[in-house]
C-alpha cells in the first residue's frame, strides 16, 4: 500500500467533512473516507516501519509505532476540543485536512523512493 494513497483519501475525507455543513449523506461519505484513509495509513505505515528490519526486531518496532500513535492521538484529543469550540466542526475538519496535506509530500517522497529501489 502506498502512503500517498492513504494521505489522499484522508485529505479528501477531511475536506468533504468540512464541506458537509449539516448534510448527513455527505457527512456519512466523509466519515467513510476518513475511516478508510485511516486504515490505509495504518497499513502503509506499518509496512514502512518494519520493511527491511530483521524479523526478531519487528515486534519491538511495532510497539514503538503503537506508542507513537497513542501519543499522537492523545495530543490530537487535547487540541481538537479548543479548535472545535472556537471554530466549529468545519474548522476542525479543515485543520485535519491541512495536517494530512502536510503529510502528502512526505508520502510522495516515500512512495517514489520505494518505487526506485
Protein backbone atom coordinates (compact mmCIF):
# COMPACT_ATOMS: atom_id res chain seq x y z
CA UNK A 1 0.00 0.00 0.00
CA UNK A 2 1.40 3.35 -0.94
CA UNK A 3 1.29 6.11 1.69
CA UNK A 4 0.31 8.67 -0.95
CA UNK A 5 -2.99 6.84 -1.48
CA UNK A 6 -3.74 6.91 2.25
CA UNK A 7 -2.88 10.60 2.56
CA UNK A 8 -5.01 11.47 -0.47
CA UNK A 9 -8.03 9.62 0.92
CA UNK A 10 -7.57 11.36 4.29
CA UNK A 11 -7.34 14.81 2.69
CA UNK A 12 -10.43 14.10 0.58
CA UNK A 13 -12.41 12.82 3.57
CA UNK A 14 -11.45 15.76 5.79
CA UNK A 15 -12.25 18.26 3.05
CA UNK A 16 -15.61 16.62 2.43
CA UNK A 17 -16.34 16.66 6.18
CA UNK A 18 -15.61 20.39 6.27
CA UNK A 19 -17.98 20.96 3.36
CA UNK A 20 -20.76 18.75 4.78
CA UNK A 21 -22.49 21.70 6.50
CA UNK A 22 -25.38 19.80 8.00
CA UNK A 23 -25.84 17.26 5.19
CA UNK A 24 -25.99 13.80 6.77
CA UNK A 25 -25.33 11.91 3.47
CA UNK A 26 -22.22 14.00 2.72
CA UNK A 27 -21.03 13.68 6.31
CA UNK A 28 -21.54 9.91 6.15
CA UNK A 29 -19.45 9.72 2.97
CA UNK A 30 -16.77 11.84 4.64
CA UNK A 31 -16.69 9.59 7.70
CA UNK A 32 -16.40 6.54 5.45
CA UNK A 33 -13.46 8.10 3.60
CA UNK A 34 -11.78 9.09 6.86
CA UNK A 35 -12.12 5.55 8.20
CA UNK A 36 -10.78 4.00 5.02
CA UNK A 37 -7.95 6.56 4.87
CA UNK A 38 -7.02 5.88 8.49
CA UNK A 39 -6.81 2.14 7.86
CA UNK A 40 -4.83 2.61 4.65
CA UNK A 41 -2.40 4.86 6.53
CA UNK A 42 -2.07 2.34 9.34
CA UNK A 43 -1.27 -0.49 6.93
CA UNK A 44 1.15 1.61 4.86
CA UNK A 45 2.83 2.97 7.98
CA UNK A 46 3.28 -0.48 9.49
CA UNK A 47 4.77 -1.76 6.25
CA UNK A 48 7.17 1.18 6.04
CA UNK A 49 8.09 0.82 9.70
CA UNK A 50 9.02 -2.85 9.51
CA UNK A 51 10.31 -3.09 5.94
CA UNK A 52 13.95 -4.12 5.95
CA UNK A 53 14.02 -4.84 9.68
CA UNK A 54 15.03 -8.30 10.88
CA UNK A 55 12.05 -10.41 11.97
CA UNK A 56 13.19 -10.50 15.62
CA UNK A 57 13.15 -6.69 15.88
CA UNK A 58 9.73 -6.16 14.29
CA UNK A 59 7.58 -6.61 17.44
CA UNK A 60 9.61 -4.01 19.34
CA UNK A 61 9.48 -1.59 16.41
CA UNK A 62 5.72 -2.13 16.04
CA UNK A 63 5.36 -1.45 19.76
CA UNK A 64 7.20 1.86 19.37
CA UNK A 65 4.89 2.68 16.48
CA UNK A 66 1.83 1.94 18.61
CA UNK A 67 3.13 4.13 21.44
CA UNK A 68 3.83 6.93 18.98
CA UNK A 69 0.32 6.62 17.54
CA UNK A 70 -1.16 6.71 21.06
CA UNK A 71 0.80 9.84 21.95
CA UNK A 72 -0.29 11.50 18.71
CA UNK A 73 -3.92 10.55 19.40
CA UNK A 74 -3.74 11.97 22.93
CA UNK A 75 -2.22 15.18 21.63
CA UNK A 76 -4.86 15.42 18.92
CA UNK A 77 -7.59 14.86 21.51
CA UNK A 78 -6.26 17.72 23.62
CA UNK A 79 -6.03 20.07 20.62
CA UNK A 80 -9.33 19.21 18.92
CA UNK A 81 -11.54 20.36 21.81
CA UNK A 82 -10.44 24.01 21.71
CA UNK A 83 -10.38 24.01 17.88
CA UNK A 84 -13.94 22.66 17.79
CA UNK A 85 -15.08 25.11 20.47
CA UNK A 86 -13.53 28.07 18.68
CA UNK A 87 -14.33 27.36 15.04
CA UNK A 88 -16.84 24.53 14.95
CA UNK A 89 -16.76 21.22 13.12
CA UNK A 90 -15.79 22.71 9.75
CA UNK A 91 -12.75 24.33 11.33
CA UNK A 92 -11.76 21.03 12.92
CA UNK A 93 -12.17 19.16 9.62
CA UNK A 94 -10.17 21.79 7.72
CA UNK A 95 -7.42 21.56 10.32
CA UNK A 96 -7.33 17.81 9.79
CA UNK A 97 -7.19 18.31 6.03
CA UNK A 98 -4.30 20.77 6.50
CA UNK A 99 -2.33 18.27 8.58
CA UNK A 100 -2.98 15.49 6.07
CA UNK A 101 -1.95 17.83 3.25
CA UNK A 102 1.34 18.48 5.03
CA UNK A 103 1.91 14.73 5.05
CA UNK A 104 1.38 14.40 1.28
CA UNK A 105 4.92 15.50 0.26
CA UNK A 106 6.41 13.08 2.79
CA UNK A 107 4.20 10.27 1.48
CA UNK A 108 5.10 11.15 -2.11
CA UNK A 109 8.80 11.07 -1.24
CA UNK A 110 8.48 7.65 0.44
CA UNK A 111 6.44 6.28 -2.45
CA UNK A 112 8.82 7.40 -5.15
CA UNK A 113 11.88 6.32 -3.17
CA UNK A 114 10.40 2.85 -2.56
CA UNK A 115 9.43 2.51 -6.24
CA UNK A 116 13.01 3.11 -7.38
CA UNK A 117 14.52 0.52 -5.02
